[in-house]
């Protein structure tokens, strides 16, 4: 089990949270996604360490940016 925390910019509402969560959940191996809207923190739990580029692509697909 692996956990990684990212910061996503541009989220302003519950719909934003849902969009980001849905896209990240589609990555193979992801078992959980927890989004804290006020801080933009996204904690992803997975079976194995994730490729940050895949998470970045998922966040961008949802219409947001992964903060470096």
PDB file of N, CA and C in Angstrom:
ATOM      1  N   UNK A   1       0.842  -1.180   0.000  1.00  0.00           N
ATOM      2  CA  UNK A   1       0.000   0.000   0.000  1.00  0.00           C
ATOM      3  C   UNK A   1       0.889   1.245   0.000  1.00  0.00           C
ATOM      4  N   UNK A   2       0.513   2.213  -0.799  1.00  0.00           N
ATOM      5  CA  UNK A   2       1.292   3.438  -0.940  1.00  0.00           C
ATOM      6  C   UNK A   2       0.358   4.643  -0.857  1.00  0.00           C
ATOM      7  N   UNK A   3       0.847   5.728  -0.249  1.00  0.00           N
ATOM      8  CA  UNK A   3       0.062   6.954  -0.163  1.00  0.00           C
ATOM      9  C   UNK A   3       0.919   8.116  -0.651  1.00  0.00           C
ATOM     10  N   UNK A   4       0.313   8.967  -1.471  1.00  0.00           N
ATOM     11  CA  UNK A   4       1.004  10.154  -1.967  1.00  0.00           C
ATOM     12  C   UNK A   4       0.069  11.343  -1.853  1.00  0.00           C
ATOM     13  N   UNK A   5       0.630  12.514  -1.551  1.00  0.00           N
ATOM     14  CA  UNK A   5      -0.176  13.729  -1.428  1.00  0.00           C
ATOM     15  C   UNK A   5       0.276  14.726  -2.476  1.00  0.00           C
ATOM     16  N   UNK A   6      -0.701  15.313  -3.136  1.00  0.00           N
ATOM     17  CA  UNK A   6      -0.457  16.297  -4.195  1.00  0.00           C
ATOM     18  C   UNK A   6      -1.239  17.561  -3.868  1.00  0.00           C
ATOM     19  N   UNK A   7      -0.868  18.666  -4.504  1.00  0.00           N
ATOM     20  CA  UNK A   7      -1.633  19.898  -4.382  1.00  0.00           C
ATOM     21  C   UNK A   7      -2.178  20.247  -5.754  1.00  0.00           C
ATOM     22  N   UNK A   8      -3.500  20.436  -5.811  1.00  0.00           N
ATOM     23  CA  UNK A   8      -4.178  20.755  -7.065  1.00  0.00           C
ATOM     24  C   UNK A   8      -4.699  22.184  -6.980  1.00  0.00           C
ATOM     25  N   UNK A   9      -4.441  22.973  -8.014  1.00  0.00           N
ATOM     26  CA  UNK A   9      -4.920  24.352  -8.030  1.00  0.00           C
ATOM     27  C   UNK A   9      -6.126  24.481  -8.954  1.00  0.00           C
ATOM     28  N   UNK A  10      -7.002  25.428  -8.623  1.00  0.00           N
ATOM     29  CA  UNK A  10      -8.147  25.732  -9.471  1.00  0.00           C
ATOM     30  C   UNK A  10      -9.461  25.153  -8.991  1.00  0.00           C
ATOM     31  N   UNK A  11      -9.438  24.294  -7.968  1.00  0.00           N
ATOM     32  CA  UNK A  11     -10.690  23.713  -7.474  1.00  0.00           C
ATOM     33  C   UNK A  11     -11.408  24.730  -6.578  1.00  0.00           C
ATOM     34  N   UNK A  12     -12.706  24.910  -6.826  1.00  0.00           N
ATOM     35  CA  UNK A  12     -13.451  25.904  -6.045  1.00  0.00           C
ATOM     36  C   UNK A  12     -14.747  25.369  -5.444  1.00  0.00           C
ATOM     37  N   UNK A  13     -15.159  24.148  -5.817  1.00  0.00           N
ATOM     38  CA  UNK A  13     -16.466  23.665  -5.356  1.00  0.00           C
ATOM     39  C   UNK A  13     -16.502  22.140  -5.314  1.00  0.00           C
ATOM     40  N   UNK A  14     -17.622  21.609  -4.865  1.00  0.00           N
ATOM     41  CA  UNK A  14     -17.806  20.176  -4.782  1.00  0.00           C
ATOM     42  C   UNK A  14     -17.716  19.487  -6.127  1.00  0.00           C
ATOM     43  N   UNK A  15     -18.179  20.147  -7.176  1.00  0.00           N
ATOM     44  CA  UNK A  15     -18.096  19.569  -8.521  1.00  0.00           C
ATOM     45  C   UNK A  15     -16.636  19.394  -8.929  1.00  0.00           C
ATOM     46  N   UNK A  16     -15.798  20.362  -8.569  1.00  0.00           N
ATOM     47  CA  UNK A  16     -14.365  20.275  -8.857  1.00  0.00           C
ATOM     48  C   UNK A  16     -13.772  19.046  -8.174  1.00  0.00           C
ATOM     49  N   UNK A  17     -14.127  18.863  -6.908  1.00  0.00           N
ATOM     50  CA  UNK A  17     -13.635  17.725  -6.137  1.00  0.00           C
ATOM     51  C   UNK A  17     -14.050  16.420  -6.801  1.00  0.00           C
ATOM     52  N   UNK A  18     -15.312  16.336  -7.224  1.00  0.00           N
ATOM     53  CA  UNK A  18     -15.821  15.130  -7.874  1.00  0.00           C
ATOM     54  C   UNK A  18     -15.066  14.835  -9.166  1.00  0.00           C
ATOM     55  N   UNK A  19     -14.829  15.866  -9.966  1.00  0.00           N
ATOM     56  CA  UNK A  19     -14.131  15.684 -11.241  1.00  0.00           C
ATOM     57  C   UNK A  19     -12.722  15.145 -11.037  1.00  0.00           C
ATOM     58  N   UNK A  20     -11.990  15.754 -10.103  1.00  0.00           N
ATOM     59  CA  UNK A  20     -10.620  15.324  -9.832  1.00  0.00           C
ATOM     60  C   UNK A  20     -10.616  13.905  -9.274  1.00  0.00           C
ATOM     61  N   UNK A  21     -11.517  13.631  -8.339  1.00  0.00           N
ATOM     62  CA  UNK A  21     -11.599  12.300  -7.730  1.00  0.00           C
ATOM     63  C   UNK A  21     -11.873  11.241  -8.790  1.00  0.00           C
ATOM     64  N   UNK A  22     -12.852  11.474  -9.657  1.00  0.00           N
ATOM     65  CA  UNK A  22     -13.216  10.498 -10.686  1.00  0.00           C
ATOM     66  C   UNK A  22     -12.055  10.206 -11.622  1.00  0.00           C
ATOM     67  N   UNK A  23     -11.344  11.249 -12.051  1.00  0.00           N
ATOM     68  CA  UNK A  23     -10.226  11.036 -12.982  1.00  0.00           C
ATOM     69  C   UNK A  23      -9.092  10.254 -12.325  1.00  0.00           C
ATOM     70  N   UNK A  24      -8.763  10.586 -11.081  1.00  0.00           N
ATOM     71  CA  UNK A  24      -7.663   9.891 -10.403  1.00  0.00           C
ATOM     72  C   UNK A  24      -8.052   8.445 -10.111  1.00  0.00           C
ATOM     73  N   UNK A  25      -9.317   8.204  -9.763  1.00  0.00           N
ATOM     74  CA  UNK A  25      -9.764   6.834  -9.465  1.00  0.00           C
ATOM     75  C   UNK A  25      -9.642   5.912 -10.677  1.00  0.00           C
ATOM     76  N   UNK A  26      -9.575   6.479 -11.878  1.00  0.00           N
ATOM     77  CA  UNK A  26      -9.451   5.665 -13.085  1.00  0.00           C
ATOM     78  C   UNK A  26      -8.036   5.123 -13.296  1.00  0.00           C
ATOM     79  N   UNK A  27      -7.064   5.647 -12.558  1.00  0.00           N
ATOM     80  CA  UNK A  27      -5.689   5.155 -12.679  1.00  0.00           C
ATOM     81  C   UNK A  27      -5.623   3.760 -12.059  1.00  0.00           C
ATOM     82  N   UNK A  28      -5.038   2.833 -12.788  1.00  0.00           N
ATOM     83  CA  UNK A  28      -4.915   1.456 -12.298  1.00  0.00           C
ATOM     84  C   UNK A  28      -4.166   1.419 -10.971  1.00  0.00           C
ATOM     85  N   UNK A  29      -4.722   0.678 -10.013  1.00  0.00           N
ATOM     86  CA  UNK A  29      -4.074   0.503  -8.720  1.00  0.00           C
ATOM     87  C   UNK A  29      -4.543   1.464  -7.641  1.00  0.00           C
ATOM     88  N   UNK A  30      -5.243   2.535  -8.027  1.00  0.00           N
ATOM     89  CA  UNK A  30      -5.715   3.504  -7.032  1.00  0.00           C
ATOM     90  C   UNK A  30      -6.840   2.879  -6.221  1.00  0.00           C
ATOM     91  N   UNK A  31      -6.707   2.967  -4.891  1.00  0.00           N
ATOM     92  CA  UNK A  31      -7.713   2.382  -4.002  1.00  0.00           C
ATOM     93  C   UNK A  31      -8.499   3.444  -3.239  1.00  0.00           C
ATOM     94  N   UNK A  32      -7.994   4.681  -3.229  1.00  0.00           N
ATOM     95  CA  UNK A  32      -8.718   5.742  -2.531  1.00  0.00           C
ATOM     96  C   UNK A  32      -8.201   7.116  -2.905  1.00  0.00           C
ATOM     97  N   UNK A  33      -9.124   8.090  -2.900  1.00  0.00           N
ATOM     98  CA  UNK A  33      -8.764   9.476  -3.185  1.00  0.00           C
ATOM     99  C   UNK A  33      -9.473  10.347  -2.156  1.00  0.00           C
ATOM    100  N   UNK A  34      -8.707  11.189  -1.449  1.00  0.00           N
ATOM    101  CA  UNK A  34      -9.285  12.087  -0.465  1.00  0.00           C
ATOM    102  C   UNK A  34      -8.878  13.509  -0.839  1.00  0.00           C
ATOM    103  N   UNK A  35      -9.868  14.363  -1.109  1.00  0.00           N
ATOM    104  CA  UNK A  35      -9.603  15.737  -1.527  1.00  0.00           C
ATOM    105  C   UNK A  35     -10.022  16.700  -0.428  1.00  0.00           C
ATOM    106  N   UNK A  36      -9.105  17.593  -0.042  1.00  0.00           N
ATOM    107  CA  UNK A  36      -9.413  18.660   0.908  1.00  0.00           C
ATOM    108  C   UNK A  36      -9.534  19.955   0.109  1.00  0.00           C
ATOM    109  N   UNK A  37     -10.761  20.372  -0.141  1.00  0.00           N
ATOM    110  CA  UNK A  37     -11.012  21.527  -1.014  1.00  0.00           C
ATOM    111  C   UNK A  37     -10.331  22.813  -0.537  1.00  0.00           C
ATOM    112  N   UNK A  38     -10.432  23.193   0.750  1.00  0.00           N
ATOM    113  CA  UNK A  38      -9.826  24.470   1.165  1.00  0.00           C
ATOM    114  C   UNK A  38      -8.325  24.570   0.911  1.00  0.00           C
ATOM    115  N   UNK A  39      -7.596  23.454   1.048  1.00  0.00           N
ATOM    116  CA  UNK A  39      -6.140  23.500   0.866  1.00  0.00           C
ATOM    117  C   UNK A  39      -5.706  23.038  -0.517  1.00  0.00           C
ATOM    118  N   UNK A  40      -6.608  22.339  -1.240  1.00  0.00           N
ATOM    119  CA  UNK A  40      -6.250  21.789  -2.538  1.00  0.00           C
ATOM    120  C   UNK A  40      -5.452  20.503  -2.436  1.00  0.00           C
ATOM    121  N   UNK A  41      -5.302  19.990  -1.227  1.00  0.00           N
ATOM    122  CA  UNK A  41      -4.529  18.759  -1.037  1.00  0.00           C
ATOM    123  C   UNK A  41      -5.326  17.539  -1.473  1.00  0.00           C
ATOM    124  N   UNK A  42      -4.672  16.690  -2.244  1.00  0.00           N
ATOM    125  CA  UNK A  42      -5.280  15.455  -2.719  1.00  0.00           C
ATOM    126  C   UNK A  42      -4.382  14.301  -2.263  1.00  0.00           C
ATOM    127  N   UNK A  43      -4.943  13.427  -1.440  1.00  0.00           N
ATOM    128  CA  UNK A  43      -4.197  12.274  -0.955  1.00  0.00           C
ATOM    129  C   UNK A  43      -4.700  11.043  -1.696  1.00  0.00           C
ATOM    130  N   UNK A  44      -3.765  10.357  -2.331  1.00  0.00           N
ATOM    131  CA  UNK A  44      -4.105   9.190  -3.147  1.00  0.00           C
ATOM    132  C   UNK A  44      -3.490   7.942  -2.519  1.00  0.00           C
ATOM    133  N   UNK A  45      -4.330   6.941  -2.290  1.00  0.00           N
ATOM    134  CA  UNK A  45      -3.873   5.655  -1.774  1.00  0.00           C
ATOM    135  C   UNK A  45      -3.913   4.662  -2.931  1.00  0.00           C
ATOM    136  N   UNK A  46      -2.858   3.855  -3.041  1.00  0.00           N
ATOM    137  CA  UNK A  46      -2.794   2.906  -4.152  1.00  0.00           C
ATOM    138  C   UNK A  46      -2.079   1.632  -3.719  1.00  0.00           C
ATOM    139  N   UNK A  47      -2.228   0.603  -4.564  1.00  0.00           N
ATOM    140  CA  UNK A  47      -1.590  -0.690  -4.292  1.00  0.00           C
ATOM    141  C   UNK A  47      -0.068  -0.601  -4.376  1.00  0.00           C
ATOM    142  N   UNK A  48       0.422   0.274  -5.240  1.00  0.00           N
ATOM    143  CA  UNK A  48       1.859   0.449  -5.454  1.00  0.00           C
ATOM    144  C   UNK A  48       2.117   1.928  -5.715  1.00  0.00           C
ATOM    145  N   UNK A  49       3.360   2.381  -5.586  1.00  0.00           N
ATOM    146  CA  UNK A  49       3.658   3.785  -5.866  1.00  0.00           C
ATOM    147  C   UNK A  49       3.171   4.192  -7.261  1.00  0.00           C
ATOM    148  N   UNK A  50       2.588   5.378  -7.342  1.00  0.00           N
ATOM    149  CA  UNK A  50       2.043   5.869  -8.608  1.00  0.00           C
ATOM    150  C   UNK A  50       3.071   6.674  -9.380  1.00  0.00           C
ATOM    151  N   UNK A  51       2.915   6.682 -10.680  1.00  0.00           N
ATOM    152  CA  UNK A  51       3.708   7.528 -11.549  1.00  0.00           C
ATOM    153  C   UNK A  51       3.097   8.922 -11.474  1.00  0.00           C
ATOM    154  N   UNK A  52       3.872   9.894 -10.987  1.00  0.00           N
ATOM    155  CA  UNK A  52       3.353  11.258 -10.837  1.00  0.00           C
ATOM    156  C   UNK A  52       2.822  11.823 -12.149  1.00  0.00           C
ATOM    157  N   UNK A  53       3.415  11.422 -13.270  1.00  0.00           N
ATOM    158  CA  UNK A  53       2.961  11.913 -14.572  1.00  0.00           C
ATOM    159  C   UNK A  53       1.528  11.450 -14.858  1.00  0.00           C
ATOM    160  N   UNK A  54       1.181  10.241 -14.428  1.00  0.00           N
ATOM    161  CA  UNK A  54      -0.192   9.745 -14.639  1.00  0.00           C
ATOM    162  C   UNK A  54      -1.177  10.537 -13.791  1.00  0.00           C
ATOM    163  N   UNK A  55      -0.775  10.872 -12.562  1.00  0.00           N
ATOM    164  CA  UNK A  55      -1.647  11.675 -11.698  1.00  0.00           C
ATOM    165  C   UNK A  55      -1.816  13.064 -12.301  1.00  0.00           C
ATOM    166  N   UNK A  56      -0.721  13.642 -12.785  1.00  0.00           N
ATOM    167  CA  UNK A  56      -0.770  14.964 -13.419  1.00  0.00           C
ATOM    168  C   UNK A  56      -1.708  14.946 -14.619  1.00  0.00           C
ATOM    169  N   UNK A  57      -1.608  13.917 -15.446  1.00  0.00           N
ATOM    170  CA  UNK A  57      -2.479  13.801 -16.618  1.00  0.00           C
ATOM    171  C   UNK A  57      -3.947  13.697 -16.206  1.00  0.00           C
ATOM    172  N   UNK A  58      -4.230  12.934 -15.160  1.00  0.00           N
ATOM    173  CA  UNK A  58      -5.609  12.772 -14.690  1.00  0.00           C
ATOM    174  C   UNK A  58      -6.170  14.096 -14.180  1.00  0.00           C
ATOM    175  N   UNK A  59      -5.356  14.827 -13.434  1.00  0.00           N
ATOM    176  CA  UNK A  59      -5.793  16.126 -12.900  1.00  0.00           C
ATOM    177  C   UNK A  59      -6.049  17.102 -14.048  1.00  0.00           C
ATOM    178  N   UNK A  60      -5.159  17.115 -15.031  1.00  0.00           N
ATOM    179  CA  UNK A  60      -5.342  18.005 -16.184  1.00  0.00           C
ATOM    180  C   UNK A  60      -6.566  17.603 -17.004  1.00  0.00           C
ATOM    181  N   UNK A  61      -6.837  16.312 -17.108  1.00  0.00           N
ATOM    182  CA  UNK A  61      -8.023  15.830 -17.827  1.00  0.00           C
ATOM    183  C   UNK A  61      -9.296  16.358 -17.160  1.00  0.00           C
ATOM    184  N   UNK A  62      -9.231  16.495 -15.834  1.00  0.00           N
ATOM    185  CA  UNK A  62     -10.377  17.041 -15.078  1.00  0.00           C
ATOM    186  C   UNK A  62     -10.470  18.558 -15.219  1.00  0.00           C
ATOM    187  N   UNK A  63      -9.428  19.182 -15.757  1.00  0.00           N
ATOM    188  CA  UNK A  63      -9.457  20.629 -15.991  1.00  0.00           C
ATOM    189  C   UNK A  63      -8.734  21.452 -14.949  1.00  0.00           C
ATOM    190  N   UNK A  64      -7.819  20.816 -14.194  1.00  0.00           N
ATOM    191  CA  UNK A  64      -7.100  21.517 -13.124  1.00  0.00           C
ATOM    192  C   UNK A  64      -5.620  21.300 -13.274  1.00  0.00           C
ATOM    193  N   UNK A  65      -4.834  21.932 -12.382  1.00  0.00           N
ATOM    194  CA  UNK A  65      -3.383  21.807 -12.467  1.00  0.00           C
ATOM    195  C   UNK A  65      -2.808  21.198 -11.217  1.00  0.00           C
ATOM    196  N   UNK A  66      -1.816  20.337 -11.402  1.00  0.00           N
ATOM    197  CA  UNK A  66      -1.071  19.782 -10.286  1.00  0.00           C
ATOM    198  C   UNK A  66       0.064  20.758  -9.995  1.00  0.00           C
ATOM    199  N   UNK A  67       0.107  21.251  -8.777  1.00  0.00           N
ATOM    200  CA  UNK A  67       1.122  22.236  -8.393  1.00  0.00           C
ATOM    201  C   UNK A  67       2.461  21.501  -8.227  1.00  0.00           C
ATOM    202  N   UNK A  68       3.527  22.042  -8.810  1.00  0.00           N
ATOM    203  CA  UNK A  68       4.835  21.361  -8.701  1.00  0.00           C
ATOM    204  C   UNK A  68       5.341  21.323  -7.263  1.00  0.00           C
TER     205      UNK A  68
END
